[in-house]
């Protein structure tokens, strides 16, 4: 996958965890714009980017 793909994948997982924590009100949103929907959307975008980085590299 490469180093960059791995980093993006870890960031996507952390965004997913933040989305779950925000949706279940374990932590309050950091600001009005950073709701659970934002975290899940960002997580999905980063997961798709990590797939693209993993499959787009030819050696």
N, C-alpha and C. Protein backbone atom coordinates (compact mmCIF):
# COMPACT_ATOMS: atom_id res chain seq x y z
N UNK A 1 0.82 -1.19 0.00
CA UNK A 1 0.00 0.00 0.00
C UNK A 1 0.86 1.25 0.00
N UNK A 2 1.98 1.19 0.59
CA UNK A 2 2.84 2.37 0.66
C UNK A 2 2.62 3.11 1.96
N UNK A 3 3.59 3.93 2.27
CA UNK A 3 3.54 4.67 3.53
C UNK A 3 2.42 5.69 3.56
N UNK A 4 2.22 6.43 2.49
CA UNK A 4 1.19 7.46 2.46
C UNK A 4 -0.20 6.84 2.55
N UNK A 5 -0.42 5.73 1.87
CA UNK A 5 -1.70 5.05 1.94
C UNK A 5 -2.01 4.55 3.34
N UNK A 6 -0.99 4.07 4.03
CA UNK A 6 -1.18 3.61 5.40
C UNK A 6 -1.52 4.75 6.35
N UNK A 7 -0.86 5.88 6.15
CA UNK A 7 -1.13 7.04 7.00
C UNK A 7 -2.55 7.55 6.77
N UNK A 8 -2.98 7.61 5.52
CA UNK A 8 -4.33 8.06 5.21
C UNK A 8 -5.36 7.08 5.76
N UNK A 9 -5.07 5.80 5.72
CA UNK A 9 -5.98 4.80 6.26
C UNK A 9 -6.11 4.93 7.78
N UNK A 10 -5.03 5.19 8.47
CA UNK A 10 -5.08 5.39 9.93
C UNK A 10 -5.86 6.66 10.26
N UNK A 11 -5.66 7.72 9.50
CA UNK A 11 -6.43 8.95 9.72
C UNK A 11 -7.92 8.72 9.49
N UNK A 12 -8.26 7.92 8.49
CA UNK A 12 -9.66 7.61 8.23
C UNK A 12 -10.27 6.84 9.39
N UNK A 13 -9.53 5.91 9.94
CA UNK A 13 -10.03 5.15 11.08
C UNK A 13 -10.23 6.04 12.30
N UNK A 14 -9.30 6.96 12.53
CA UNK A 14 -9.44 7.89 13.65
C UNK A 14 -10.63 8.82 13.46
N UNK A 15 -10.89 9.25 12.24
CA UNK A 15 -12.07 10.08 11.97
C UNK A 15 -13.35 9.28 12.21
N UNK A 16 -13.35 8.00 11.87
CA UNK A 16 -14.51 7.16 12.14
C UNK A 16 -14.76 7.01 13.64
N UNK A 17 -13.70 6.86 14.40
CA UNK A 17 -13.84 6.77 15.86
C UNK A 17 -14.37 8.09 16.43
N UNK A 18 -13.87 9.20 15.93
CA UNK A 18 -14.39 10.50 16.37
C UNK A 18 -15.87 10.66 16.03
N UNK A 19 -16.28 10.15 14.87
CA UNK A 19 -17.69 10.20 14.50
C UNK A 19 -18.55 9.39 15.44
N UNK A 20 -18.08 8.22 15.81
CA UNK A 20 -18.84 7.37 16.74
C UNK A 20 -18.92 8.03 18.11
N UNK A 21 -17.81 8.58 18.59
CA UNK A 21 -17.80 9.23 19.89
C UNK A 21 -18.69 10.47 19.91
N UNK A 22 -18.74 11.20 18.80
CA UNK A 22 -19.59 12.38 18.73
C UNK A 22 -21.06 11.99 18.61
N UNK A 23 -21.36 10.95 17.84
CA UNK A 23 -22.75 10.53 17.66
C UNK A 23 -23.36 9.97 18.93
N UNK A 24 -22.57 9.33 19.75
CA UNK A 24 -23.09 8.75 20.99
C UNK A 24 -22.97 9.71 22.17
N UNK A 25 -22.55 10.94 21.93
CA UNK A 25 -22.41 12.00 22.93
C UNK A 25 -21.44 11.63 24.05
N UNK A 26 -20.45 10.84 23.73
CA UNK A 26 -19.38 10.58 24.70
C UNK A 26 -18.55 11.85 24.87
N UNK A 27 -18.30 12.52 23.75
CA UNK A 27 -17.66 13.83 23.79
C UNK A 27 -18.58 14.80 23.05
N UNK A 28 -18.54 16.05 23.43
CA UNK A 28 -19.34 17.05 22.73
C UNK A 28 -18.60 17.47 21.46
N UNK A 29 -19.34 17.94 20.45
CA UNK A 29 -18.66 18.39 19.23
C UNK A 29 -17.68 19.53 19.53
N UNK A 30 -16.57 19.53 18.84
CA UNK A 30 -15.55 20.54 19.07
C UNK A 30 -16.01 21.93 18.66
N UNK A 31 -16.85 21.99 17.63
CA UNK A 31 -17.50 23.24 17.22
C UNK A 31 -18.82 22.86 16.56
N UNK A 32 -19.57 23.86 16.17
CA UNK A 32 -20.90 23.60 15.60
C UNK A 32 -20.81 22.86 14.27
N UNK A 33 -19.74 23.03 13.53
CA UNK A 33 -19.60 22.40 12.21
C UNK A 33 -19.08 20.97 12.29
N UNK A 34 -18.43 20.61 13.37
CA UNK A 34 -17.80 19.29 13.47
C UNK A 34 -18.75 18.28 14.13
N UNK A 35 -19.82 17.96 13.42
CA UNK A 35 -20.80 17.01 13.92
C UNK A 35 -20.39 15.60 13.52
N UNK A 36 -21.20 14.62 13.92
CA UNK A 36 -20.89 13.23 13.58
C UNK A 36 -20.92 13.00 12.08
N UNK A 37 -21.80 13.72 11.38
CA UNK A 37 -21.88 13.55 9.93
C UNK A 37 -20.60 14.02 9.25
N UNK A 38 -20.02 15.10 9.73
CA UNK A 38 -18.75 15.57 9.19
C UNK A 38 -17.66 14.52 9.36
N UNK A 39 -17.56 13.93 10.56
CA UNK A 39 -16.50 12.96 10.82
C UNK A 39 -16.66 11.71 9.97
N UNK A 40 -17.93 11.24 9.81
CA UNK A 40 -18.14 10.05 8.99
C UNK A 40 -17.89 10.33 7.52
N UNK A 41 -18.27 11.51 7.03
CA UNK A 41 -18.01 11.86 5.64
C UNK A 41 -16.51 11.96 5.38
N UNK A 42 -15.80 12.60 6.30
CA UNK A 42 -14.34 12.71 6.15
C UNK A 42 -13.68 11.34 6.20
N UNK A 43 -14.19 10.47 7.06
CA UNK A 43 -13.66 9.12 7.15
C UNK A 43 -13.86 8.37 5.83
N UNK A 44 -15.04 8.48 5.26
CA UNK A 44 -15.30 7.81 3.98
C UNK A 44 -14.41 8.32 2.86
N UNK A 45 -14.23 9.62 2.81
CA UNK A 45 -13.38 10.21 1.77
C UNK A 45 -11.93 9.73 1.94
N UNK A 46 -11.46 9.69 3.18
CA UNK A 46 -10.09 9.25 3.41
C UNK A 46 -9.91 7.76 3.13
N UNK A 47 -10.93 6.94 3.43
CA UNK A 47 -10.83 5.52 3.09
C UNK A 47 -10.77 5.31 1.58
N UNK A 48 -11.57 6.05 0.84
CA UNK A 48 -11.53 5.95 -0.62
C UNK A 48 -10.17 6.42 -1.14
N UNK A 49 -9.62 7.47 -0.54
CA UNK A 49 -8.30 7.94 -0.95
C UNK A 49 -7.22 6.91 -0.65
N UNK A 50 -7.35 6.21 0.47
CA UNK A 50 -6.34 5.19 0.78
C UNK A 50 -6.43 4.01 -0.18
N UNK A 51 -7.64 3.67 -0.61
CA UNK A 51 -7.79 2.61 -1.62
C UNK A 51 -7.16 3.05 -2.94
N UNK A 52 -7.39 4.30 -3.32
CA UNK A 52 -6.80 4.82 -4.55
C UNK A 52 -5.28 4.84 -4.47
N UNK A 53 -4.75 5.22 -3.31
CA UNK A 53 -3.30 5.23 -3.16
C UNK A 53 -2.73 3.81 -3.17
N UNK A 54 -3.48 2.86 -2.66
CA UNK A 54 -3.00 1.49 -2.62
C UNK A 54 -3.03 0.80 -3.96
N UNK A 55 -4.05 1.07 -4.76
CA UNK A 55 -4.16 0.39 -6.05
C UNK A 55 -3.51 1.16 -7.19
N UNK A 56 -3.30 2.45 -7.01
CA UNK A 56 -2.75 3.25 -8.09
C UNK A 56 -1.25 3.14 -8.23
N UNK A 57 -0.60 2.57 -7.27
CA UNK A 57 0.85 2.47 -7.31
C UNK A 57 1.27 1.20 -8.04
N UNK A 58 2.05 1.37 -9.08
CA UNK A 58 2.62 0.21 -9.79
C UNK A 58 4.11 0.21 -9.61
N UNK A 59 4.64 -0.94 -9.32
CA UNK A 59 6.09 -1.02 -9.10
C UNK A 59 6.74 -1.93 -10.10
